[in-house]
Amino acid sequence: MLEPQGNTLRNELFDLAVNRAAGYLERTGGGKVAVGEDLRRRLELWYLRTRFAYRLPLDAVIAALGRYPGRGHSWRGGPQGDWHLNHAANP
């Protein structure tokens, strides 16, 4: 069964938010992603400044980031998704 277009767009928006937040944390933390309250504190400014992030619950983004396995991974599948290893386009 196909997902309604609104759900697909919302999932894509969530994926984008999680991946951008992970990149932000890597850039601002020397490659180290924070956890717990430190993670929330570091993401609050990003959340307020990112044009689309306010449409998503920060707690859901933080929950996804709490399972971040590290560089080379991206989030896919919306709020129920998971981290996937990125494969190089040209080996």
PDB file of N, CA and C in Angstrom:
ATOM      1  N   MET A   1       0.841  -1.183   0.000  1.00  0.00           N
ATOM      2  CA  MET A   1       0.000   0.000   0.000  1.00  0.00           C
ATOM      3  C   MET A   1       0.889   1.251   0.000  1.00  0.00           C
ATOM      4  N   LEU A   2       0.534   2.211  -0.799  1.00  0.00           N
ATOM      5  CA  LEU A   2       1.309   3.447  -0.893  1.00  0.00           C
ATOM      6  C   LEU A   2       0.992   4.376   0.269  1.00  0.00           C
ATOM      7  N   GLU A   3       2.026   5.076   0.701  1.00  0.00           N
ATOM      8  CA  GLU A   3       1.820   6.078   1.755  1.00  0.00           C
ATOM      9  C   GLU A   3       1.175   7.312   1.145  1.00  0.00           C
ATOM     10  N   PRO A   4       0.294   7.978   1.878  1.00  0.00           N
ATOM     11  CA  PRO A   4      -0.208   9.256   1.387  1.00  0.00           C
ATOM     12  C   PRO A   4       0.969  10.205   1.203  1.00  0.00           C
ATOM     13  N   GLN A   5       0.877  11.076   0.213  1.00  0.00           N
ATOM     14  CA  GLN A   5       1.991  11.965  -0.102  1.00  0.00           C
ATOM     15  C   GLN A   5       2.416  12.798   1.087  1.00  0.00           C
ATOM     16  N   GLY A   6       1.498  13.234   1.935  1.00  0.00           N
ATOM     17  CA  GLY A   6       1.845  14.025   3.107  1.00  0.00           C
ATOM     18  C   GLY A   6       2.784  13.285   4.046  1.00  0.00           C
ATOM     19  N   ASN A   7       2.538  11.982   4.240  1.00  0.00           N
ATOM     20  CA  ASN A   7       3.414  11.184   5.100  1.00  0.00           C
ATOM     21  C   ASN A   7       4.796  11.031   4.486  1.00  0.00           C
ATOM     22  N   THR A   8       4.855  10.842   3.169  1.00  0.00           N
ATOM     23  CA  THR A   8       6.135  10.701   2.487  1.00  0.00           C
ATOM     24  C   THR A   8       6.942  11.977   2.630  1.00  0.00           C
ATOM     25  N   LEU A   9       6.310  13.106   2.414  1.00  0.00           N
ATOM     26  CA  LEU A   9       7.007  14.380   2.547  1.00  0.00           C
ATOM     27  C   LEU A   9       7.450  14.612   3.984  1.00  0.00           C
ATOM     28  N   ARG A  10       6.622  14.256   4.926  1.00  0.00           N
ATOM     29  CA  ARG A  10       6.990  14.418   6.340  1.00  0.00           C
ATOM     30  C   ARG A  10       8.169  13.526   6.704  1.00  0.00           C
ATOM     31  N   ASN A  11       8.179  12.294   6.194  1.00  0.00           N
ATOM     32  CA  ASN A  11       9.308  11.391   6.437  1.00  0.00           C
ATOM     33  C   ASN A  11      10.586  11.950   5.828  1.00  0.00           C
ATOM     34  N   GLU A  12      10.490  12.476   4.610  1.00  0.00           N
ATOM     35  CA  GLU A  12      11.666  13.061   3.967  1.00  0.00           C
ATOM     36  C   GLU A  12      12.160  14.275   4.743  1.00  0.00           C
ATOM     37  N   LEU A  13      11.252  15.068   5.254  1.00  0.00           N
ATOM     38  CA  LEU A  13      11.629  16.229   6.057  1.00  0.00           C
ATOM     39  C   LEU A  13      12.322  15.787   7.351  1.00  0.00           C
ATOM     40  N   PHE A  14      11.800  14.748   7.970  1.00  0.00           N
ATOM     41  CA  PHE A  14      12.415  14.224   9.186  1.00  0.00           C
ATOM     42  C   PHE A  14      13.825  13.709   8.889  1.00  0.00           C
ATOM     43  N   ASP A  15      13.971  12.939   7.811  1.00  0.00           N
ATOM     44  CA  ASP A  15      15.286  12.421   7.430  1.00  0.00           C
ATOM     45  C   ASP A  15      16.268  13.569   7.213  1.00  0.00           C
ATOM     46  N   LEU A  16      15.834  14.582   6.514  1.00  0.00           N
ATOM     47  CA  LEU A  16      16.678  15.748   6.251  1.00  0.00           C
ATOM     48  C   LEU A  16      17.097  16.413   7.560  1.00  0.00           C
ATOM     49  N   ALA A  17      16.156  16.575   8.466  1.00  0.00           N
ATOM     50  CA  ALA A  17      16.454  17.226   9.742  1.00  0.00           C
ATOM     51  C   ALA A  17      17.476  16.422  10.545  1.00  0.00           C
ATOM     52  N   VAL A  18      17.300  15.130  10.641  1.00  0.00           N
ATOM     53  CA  VAL A  18      18.211  14.298  11.420  1.00  0.00           C
ATOM     54  C   VAL A  18      19.607  14.323  10.797  1.00  0.00           C
ATOM     55  N   ASN A  19      19.689  14.193   9.485  1.00  0.00           N
ATOM     56  CA  ASN A  19      20.989  14.191   8.826  1.00  0.00           C
ATOM     57  C   ASN A  19      21.686  15.539   8.924  1.00  0.00           C
ATOM     58  N   ARG A  20      20.933  16.608   8.787  1.00  0.00           N
ATOM     59  CA  ARG A  20      21.534  17.943   8.927  1.00  0.00           C
ATOM     60  C   ARG A  20      21.979  18.197  10.368  1.00  0.00           C
ATOM     61  N   ALA A  21      21.179  17.752  11.326  1.00  0.00           N
ATOM     62  CA  ALA A  21      21.547  17.927  12.732  1.00  0.00           C
ATOM     63  C   ALA A  21      22.811  17.128  13.054  1.00  0.00           C
ATOM     64  N   ALA A  22      22.928  15.925  12.515  1.00  0.00           N
ATOM     65  CA  ALA A  22      24.131  15.119  12.736  1.00  0.00           C
ATOM     66  C   ALA A  22      25.350  15.826  12.152  1.00  0.00           C
ATOM     67  N   GLY A  23      25.201  16.383  10.961  1.00  0.00           N
ATOM     68  CA  GLY A  23      26.299  17.130  10.349  1.00  0.00           C
ATOM     69  C   GLY A  23      26.672  18.353  11.159  1.00  0.00           C
ATOM     70  N   TYR A  24      25.675  19.049  11.661  1.00  0.00           N
ATOM     71  CA  TYR A  24      25.909  20.227  12.499  1.00  0.00           C
ATOM     72  C   TYR A  24      26.688  19.838  13.756  1.00  0.00           C
ATOM     73  N   LEU A  25      26.275  18.758  14.398  1.00  0.00           N
ATOM     74  CA  LEU A  25      26.954  18.313  15.619  1.00  0.00           C
ATOM     75  C   LEU A  25      28.399  17.907  15.331  1.00  0.00           C
ATOM     76  N   GLU A  26      28.630  17.269  14.194  1.00  0.00           N
ATOM     77  CA  GLU A  26      29.994  16.894  13.839  1.00  0.00           C
ATOM     78  C   GLU A  26      30.856  18.126  13.582  1.00  0.00           C
ATOM     79  N   ARG A  27      30.297  19.112  12.885  1.00  0.00           N
ATOM     80  CA  ARG A  27      31.058  20.330  12.575  1.00  0.00           C
ATOM     81  C   ARG A  27      31.360  21.144  13.820  1.00  0.00           C
ATOM     82  N   THR A  28      30.439  21.176  14.744  1.00  0.00           N
ATOM     83  CA  THR A  28      30.610  22.034  15.919  1.00  0.00           C
ATOM     84  C   THR A  28      31.193  21.306  17.121  1.00  0.00           C
ATOM     85  N   GLY A  29      31.360  20.004  17.024  1.00  0.00           N
ATOM     86  CA  GLY A  29      31.866  19.249  18.169  1.00  0.00           C
ATOM     87  C   GLY A  29      33.125  18.469  17.889  1.00  0.00           C
ATOM     88  N   GLY A  30      33.816  18.826  16.822  1.00  0.00           N
ATOM     89  CA  GLY A  30      35.051  18.117  16.509  1.00  0.00           C
ATOM     90  C   GLY A  30      34.840  16.655  16.177  1.00  0.00           C
ATOM     91  N   GLY A  31      33.715  16.321  15.546  1.00  0.00           N
ATOM     92  CA  GLY A  31      33.438  14.946  15.171  1.00  0.00           C
ATOM     93  C   GLY A  31      32.768  14.130  16.257  1.00  0.00           C
ATOM     94  N   LYS A  32      32.613  14.707  17.439  1.00  0.00           N
ATOM     95  CA  LYS A  32      32.000  13.981  18.559  1.00  0.00           C
ATOM     96  C   LYS A  32      30.545  14.414  18.698  1.00  0.00           C
ATOM     97  N   VAL A  33      29.637  13.472  18.708  1.00  0.00           N
ATOM     98  CA  VAL A  33      28.223  13.779  18.891  1.00  0.00           C
ATOM     99  C   VAL A  33      27.905  13.662  20.369  1.00  0.00           C
ATOM    100  N   ALA A  34      27.261  14.671  20.913  1.00  0.00           N
ATOM    101  CA  ALA A  34      26.918  14.716  22.333  1.00  0.00           C
ATOM    102  C   ALA A  34      25.762  13.769  22.637  1.00  0.00           C
ATOM    103  N   VAL A  35      25.520  13.556  23.918  1.00  0.00           N
ATOM    104  CA  VAL A  35      24.389  12.739  24.352  1.00  0.00           C
ATOM    105  C   VAL A  35      23.634  13.464  25.457  1.00  0.00           C
ATOM    106  N   GLY A  36      22.425  13.024  25.721  1.00  0.00           N
ATOM    107  CA  GLY A  36      21.627  13.552  26.831  1.00  0.00           C
ATOM    108  C   GLY A  36      21.389  15.046  26.756  1.00  0.00           C
ATOM    109  N   GLU A  37      21.514  15.689  27.904  1.00  0.00           N
ATOM    110  CA  GLU A  37      21.247  17.129  27.992  1.00  0.00           C
ATOM    111  C   GLU A  37      22.238  17.948  27.178  1.00  0.00           C
ATOM    112  N   ASP A  38      23.472  17.468  27.059  1.00  0.00           N
ATOM    113  CA  ASP A  38      24.451  18.173  26.237  1.00  0.00           C
ATOM    114  C   ASP A  38      23.992  18.186  24.781  1.00  0.00           C
ATOM    115  N   LEU A  39      23.429  17.088  24.327  1.00  0.00           N
ATOM    116  CA  LEU A  39      22.901  17.008  22.962  1.00  0.00           C
ATOM    117  C   LEU A  39      21.770  18.005  22.779  1.00  0.00           C
ATOM    118  N   ARG A  40      20.839  18.050  23.699  1.00  0.00           N
ATOM    119  CA  ARG A  40      19.721  19.001  23.616  1.00  0.00           C
ATOM    120  C   ARG A  40      20.236  20.438  23.610  1.00  0.00           C
ATOM    121  N   ARG A  41      21.153  20.747  24.491  1.00  0.00           N
ATOM    122  CA  ARG A  41      21.694  22.108  24.576  1.00  0.00           C
ATOM    123  C   ARG A  41      22.377  22.508  23.268  1.00  0.00           C
ATOM    124  N   ARG A  42      23.168  21.598  22.705  1.00  0.00           N
ATOM    125  CA  ARG A  42      23.870  21.909  21.467  1.00  0.00           C
ATOM    126  C   ARG A  42      22.929  22.030  20.283  1.00  0.00           C
ATOM    127  N   LEU A  43      21.795  21.337  20.304  1.00  0.00           N
ATOM    128  CA  LEU A  43      20.869  21.380  19.175  1.00  0.00           C
ATOM    129  C   LEU A  43      19.868  22.527  19.244  1.00  0.00           C
ATOM    130  N   GLU A  44      19.679  23.125  20.390  1.00  0.00           N
ATOM    131  CA  GLU A  44      18.645  24.158  20.523  1.00  0.00           C
ATOM    132  C   GLU A  44      18.861  25.318  19.553  1.00  0.00           C
ATOM    133  N   LEU A  45      20.075  25.804  19.427  1.00  0.00           N
ATOM    134  CA  LEU A  45      20.345  26.905  18.511  1.00  0.00           C
ATOM    135  C   LEU A  45      20.107  26.468  17.069  1.00  0.00           C
ATOM    136  N   TRP A  46      20.589  25.285  16.716  1.00  0.00           N
ATOM    137  CA  TRP A  46      20.351  24.758  15.370  1.00  0.00           C
ATOM    138  C   TRP A  46      18.856  24.677  15.093  1.00  0.00           C
ATOM    139  N   TYR A  47      18.110  24.174  16.051  1.00  0.00           N
ATOM    140  CA  TYR A  47      16.664  23.987  15.912  1.00  0.00           C
ATOM    141  C   TYR A  47      15.960  25.321  15.679  1.00  0.00           C
ATOM    142  N   LEU A  48      16.374  26.341  16.400  1.00  0.00           N
ATOM    143  CA  LEU A  48      15.744  27.658  16.260  1.00  0.00           C
ATOM    144  C   LEU A  48      16.127  28.340  14.953  1.00  0.00           C
ATOM    145  N   ARG A  49      17.314  28.080  14.447  1.00  0.00           N
ATOM    146  CA  ARG A  49      17.803  28.768  13.259  1.00  0.00           C
ATOM    147  C   ARG A  49      17.483  28.051  11.957  1.00  0.00           C
ATOM    148  N   THR A  50      17.123  26.785  12.027  1.00  0.00           N
ATOM    149  CA  THR A  50      16.833  26.017  10.818  1.00  0.00           C
ATOM    150  C   THR A  50      15.377  26.250  10.426  1.00  0.00           C
ATOM    151  N   ARG A  51      15.181  26.689   9.205  1.00  0.00           N
ATOM    152  CA  ARG A  51      13.847  27.113   8.770  1.00  0.00           C
ATOM    153  C   ARG A  51      12.774  26.037   8.881  1.00  0.00           C
ATOM    154  N   PHE A  52      13.115  24.799   8.660  1.00  0.00           N
ATOM    155  CA  PHE A  52      12.089  23.757   8.636  1.00  0.00           C
ATOM    156  C   PHE A  52      12.015  22.932   9.914  1.00  0.00           C
ATOM    157  N   ALA A  53      13.017  23.006  10.765  1.00  0.00           N
ATOM    158  CA  ALA A  53      13.093  22.106  11.921  1.00  0.00           C
ATOM    159  C   ALA A  53      11.934  22.292  12.896  1.00  0.00           C
ATOM    160  N   TYR A  54      11.443  23.500  13.019  1.00  0.00           N
ATOM    161  CA  TYR A  54      10.364  23.742  13.986  1.00  0.00           C
ATOM    162  C   TYR A  54       9.116  22.918  13.675  1.00  0.00           C
ATOM    163  N   ARG A  55       9.024  22.397  12.483  1.00  0.00           N
ATOM    164  CA  ARG A  55       7.855  21.585  12.100  1.00  0.00           C
ATOM    165  C   ARG A  55       7.935  20.159  12.651  1.00  0.00           C
ATOM    166  N   LEU A  56       9.072  19.823  13.218  1.00  0.00           N
ATOM    167  CA  LEU A  56       9.292  18.473  13.731  1.00  0.00           C
ATOM    168  C   LEU A  56       9.564  18.521  15.225  1.00  0.00           C
ATOM    169  N   PRO A  57       9.158  17.496  15.963  1.00  0.00           N
ATOM    170  CA  PRO A  57       9.433  17.485  17.406  1.00  0.00           C
ATOM    171  C   PRO A  57      10.928  17.271  17.669  1.00  0.00           C
ATOM    172  N   LEU A  58      11.528  18.202  18.403  1.00  0.00           N
ATOM    173  CA  LEU A  58      12.949  18.115  18.722  1.00  0.00           C
ATOM    174  C   LEU A  58      13.277  16.812  19.437  1.00  0.00           C
ATOM    175  N   ASP A  59      12.395  16.346  20.291  1.00  0.00           N
ATOM    176  CA  ASP A  59      12.647  15.096  21.020  1.00  0.00           C
ATOM    177  C   ASP A  59      12.816  13.909  20.071  1.00  0.00           C
ATOM    178  N   ALA A  60      12.063  13.885  18.971  1.00  0.00           N
ATOM    179  CA  ALA A  60      12.185  12.789  18.008  1.00  0.00           C
ATOM    180  C   ALA A  60      13.527  12.865  17.276  1.00  0.00           C
ATOM    181  N   VAL A  61      13.963  14.057  16.941  1.00  0.00           N
ATOM    182  CA  VAL A  61      15.272  14.240  16.290  1.00  0.00           C
ATOM    183  C   VAL A  61      16.376  13.802  17.260  1.00  0.00           C
ATOM    184  N   ILE A  62      16.267  14.202  18.511  1.00  0.00           N
ATOM    185  CA  ILE A  62      17.262  13.830  19.522  1.00  0.00           C
ATOM    186  C   ILE A  62      17.289  12.313  19.720  1.00  0.00           C
ATOM    187  N   ALA A  63      16.132  11.673  19.715  1.00  0.00           N
ATOM    188  CA  ALA A  63      16.084  10.217  19.878  1.00  0.00           C
ATOM    189  C   ALA A  63      16.828   9.522  18.733  1.00  0.00           C
ATOM    190  N   ALA A  64      16.640  10.012  17.523  1.00  0.00           N
ATOM    191  CA  ALA A  64      17.350   9.430  16.374  1.00  0.00           C
ATOM    192  C   ALA A  64      18.851   9.663  16.501  1.00  0.00           C
ATOM    193  N   LEU A  65      19.242  10.852  16.900  1.00  0.00           N
ATOM    194  CA  LEU A  65      20.660  11.168  17.039  1.00  0.00           C
ATOM    195  C   LEU A  65      21.314  10.395  18.179  1.00  0.00           C
ATOM    196  N   GLY A  66      20.527  10.007  19.163  1.00  0.00           N
ATOM    197  CA  GLY A  66      21.059   9.225  20.274  1.00  0.00           C
ATOM    198  C   GLY A  66      21.556   7.854  19.839  1.00  0.00           C
ATOM    199  N   ARG A  67      21.146   7.420  18.648  1.00  0.00           N
ATOM    200  CA  ARG A  67      21.580   6.121  18.111  1.00  0.00           C
ATOM    201  C   ARG A  67      22.572   6.279  16.959  1.00  0.00           C
ATOM    202  N   TYR A  68      23.095   7.479  16.778  1.00  0.00           N
ATOM    203  CA  TYR A  68      23.988   7.771  15.651  1.00  0.00           C
ATOM    204  C   TYR A  68      25.257   6.921  15.719  1.00  0.00           C
ATOM    205  N   PRO A  69      25.509   6.096  14.689  1.00  0.00           N
ATOM    206  CA  PRO A  69      26.683   5.230  14.718  1.00  0.00           C
ATOM    207  C   PRO A  69      27.981   5.923  14.282  1.00  0.00           C
ATOM    208  N   GLY A  70      27.892   7.089  13.689  1.00  0.00           N
ATOM    209  CA  GLY A  70      29.092   7.828  13.298  1.00  0.00           C
ATOM    210  C   GLY A  70      29.103   8.193  11.831  1.00  0.00           C
ATOM    211  N   ARG A  71      30.178   8.870  11.443  1.00  0.00           N
ATOM    212  CA  ARG A  71      30.316   9.330  10.057  1.00  0.00           C
ATOM    213  C   ARG A  71      30.117   8.189   9.075  1.00  0.00           C
ATOM    214  N   GLY A  72      29.616   8.576   7.919  1.00  0.00           N
ATOM    215  CA  GLY A  72      29.395   7.579   6.880  1.00  0.00           C
ATOM    216  C   GLY A  72      28.019   6.942   6.946  1.00  0.00           C
ATOM    217  N   HIS A  73      27.186   7.423   7.858  1.00  0.00           N
ATOM    218  CA  HIS A  73      25.825   6.907   7.992  1.00  0.00           C
ATOM    219  C   HIS A  73      24.826   8.029   7.760  1.00  0.00           C
ATOM    220  N   SER A  74      23.661   7.658   7.268  1.00  0.00           N
ATOM    221  CA  SER A  74      22.582   8.640   7.136  1.00  0.00           C
ATOM    222  C   SER A  74      21.279   8.003   7.604  1.00  0.00           C
ATOM    223  N   TRP A  75      20.395   8.864   8.067  1.00  0.00           N
ATOM    224  CA  TRP A  75      19.091   8.420   8.579  1.00  0.00           C
ATOM    225  C   TRP A  75      18.122   8.335   7.411  1.00  0.00           C
ATOM    226  N   ARG A  76      17.343   7.255   7.366  1.00  0.00           N
ATOM    227  CA  ARG A  76      16.297   7.099   6.351  1.00  0.00           C
ATOM    228  C   ARG A  76      15.089   6.420   6.970  1.00  0.00           C
ATOM    229  N   GLY A  77      13.901   6.830   6.525  1.00  0.00           N
ATOM    230  CA  GLY A  77      12.680   6.151   6.933  1.00  0.00           C
ATOM    231  C   GLY A  77      11.769   6.927   7.853  1.00  0.00           C
ATOM    232  N   GLY A  78      12.024   8.227   7.999  1.00  0.00           N
ATOM    233  CA  GLY A  78      11.157   9.028   8.858  1.00  0.00           C
ATOM    234  C   GLY A  78      11.370   8.716  10.323  1.00  0.00           C
ATOM    235  N   PRO A  79      10.421   9.082  11.172  1.00  0.00           N
ATOM    236  CA  PRO A  79      10.574   8.873  12.616  1.00  0.00           C
ATOM    237  C   PRO A  79      10.763   7.401  13.011  1.00  0.00           C
ATOM    238  N   GLN A  80      10.273   6.472  12.207  1.00  0.00           N
ATOM    239  CA  GLN A  80      10.446   5.048  12.513  1.00  0.00           C
ATOM    240  C   GLN A  80      11.642   4.458  11.780  1.00  0.00           C
ATOM    241  N   GLY A  81      12.445   5.287  11.160  1.00  0.00           N
ATOM    242  CA  GLY A  81      13.580   4.824  10.361  1.00  0.00           C
ATOM    243  C   GLY A  81      14.761   4.371  11.193  1.00  0.00           C
ATOM    244  N   ASP A  82      15.907   4.335  10.514  1.00  0.00           N
ATOM    245  CA  ASP A  82      17.133   3.895  11.171  1.00  0.00           C
ATOM    246  C   ASP A  82      18.331   4.439  10.385  1.00  0.00           C
ATOM    247  N   TRP A  83      19.504   4.267  10.951  1.00  0.00           N
ATOM    248  CA  TRP A  83      20.745   4.692  10.320  1.00  0.00           C
ATOM    249  C   TRP A  83      21.178   3.643   9.311  1.00  0.00           C
ATOM    250  N   HIS A  84      21.679   4.124   8.165  1.00  0.00           N
ATOM    251  CA  HIS A  84      22.151   3.244   7.098  1.00  0.00           C
ATOM    252  C   HIS A  84      23.541   3.687   6.673  1.00  0.00           C
ATOM    253  N   LEU A  85      24.381   2.719   6.387  1.00  0.00           N
ATOM    254  CA  LEU A  85      25.725   3.013   5.925  1.00  0.00           C
ATOM    255  C   LEU A  85      25.636   3.553   4.501  1.00  0.00           C
ATOM    256  N   ASN A  86      26.287   4.676   4.270  1.00  0.00           N
ATOM    257  CA  ASN A  86      26.335   5.248   2.926  1.00  0.00           C
ATOM    258  C   ASN A  86      27.378   4.490   2.116  1.00  0.00           C
ATOM    259  N   HIS A  87      27.055   4.184   0.881  1.00  0.00           N
ATOM    260  CA  HIS A  87      27.989   3.515  -0.003  1.00  0.00           C
ATOM    261  C   HIS A  87      28.511   4.528  -1.011  1.00  0.00           C
ATOM    262  N   ALA A  88      29.789   4.470  -1.289  1.00  0.00           N
ATOM    263  CA  ALA A  88      30.383   5.398  -2.252  1.00  0.00           C
ATOM    264  C   ALA A  88      29.753   5.180  -3.625  1.00  0.00           C
ATOM    265  N   ALA A  89      29.477   6.286  -4.291  1.00  0.00           N
ATOM    266  CA  ALA A  89      28.872   6.198  -5.633  1.00  0.00           C
ATOM    267  C   ALA A  89      29.850   5.592  -6.630  1.00  0.00           C
ATOM    268  N   ASN A  90      31.126   5.920  -6.509  1.00  0.00           N
ATOM    269  CA  ASN A  90      32.157   5.394  -7.397  1.00  0.00           C
ATOM    270  C   ASN A  90      33.289   4.799  -6.564  1.00  0.00           C
ATOM    271  N   PRO A  91      33.329   3.480  -6.446  1.00  0.00           N
ATOM    272  CA  PRO A  91      34.361   2.859  -5.611  1.00  0.00           C
ATOM    273  C   PRO A  91      35.766   3.084  -6.137  1.00  0.00           C
TER     274      PRO A  91
END
